[in-house]
Amino acid sequence: MDSLGWLCTTEVMQLFSALLDFFFPPRCPSCRACVERRGFCSACARQLIGMRRMMEMGTMAEHLTGVWVLAHYRAGVRDLLRALKYRRKMAVLDDLRTILAAGEEVLEELPPSLLAIPVPLAPQRQKERGFNQTEEIFAPWFAAHGIPFAPLLARTRETMPLYEMTRTERRQELRGAFALVHGADVQGKDLLLVDDIMTTGTTLTECARVLRAGGARRVYAIALAGEHR
């Protein structure tokens, strides 16, 4: 396509986008108020979004150097994640990715040579869903910051649902459920575990334990959303 054709196509797309915004203005995914650009309105953003460094205690402190959460797992954030994971609504990714701006400070605190590793799904769940939601949310953000995103962990077996389990029960259920993929080399590296939701931190801790056992120097973790128990 010549430069004139490309320019015309760009102008058409911009006009089409402007018409869509005029007839169907973007709305806050939480309260549905009209907003100027895609994402949460200022009121909902203040309630839901904000980087928090979690306190590492016990086993978590043994394996994780730092853990951060970018939003509260409630209201609009919870609904968006459920729509992505259980109804495969990929259109919500744009809204979810607006949360990542809260993580810019986190990246400034981390070592420059860093490798991001998503928490893996069980093979059957990955097959049914067709994607790992954590990779879909975070991959473009890491690419923009020049951080390699590598799926170096795998689930070795299916696990029972964790949402009704205590922290101790979760730890027992997850023990041995993760392993390094064949040929993965994490020796002496600084790694950043990435997940969509953090509740008790047990999953991140078990993944970090495997990475540290594989020779990783330091393991950090970041989750899009978190809830407290």
Foldseek 3Di string as FASTA:
>chain_A
DDPVVVVVVVVVVVVVVVVCCVVPNEAELFPRHGDNDAEHDPVVCVQWFAKDKDDQDDLRVVQAPTEIETTACDGRLVVLVCCCQPVVPLVSLVHLLVSCVNCPVVVVPDDPQEAEEELDDAPVSCVVNVHAVQCSNCVVVCVVVVHHYDHQKYFPDDFDDPPPPDLVVLLVRCAPRMATDPPDQQAAAEYEYEEAEEEPCNSVSNVSVRSVVRHHPHYHYYYHHYDYD
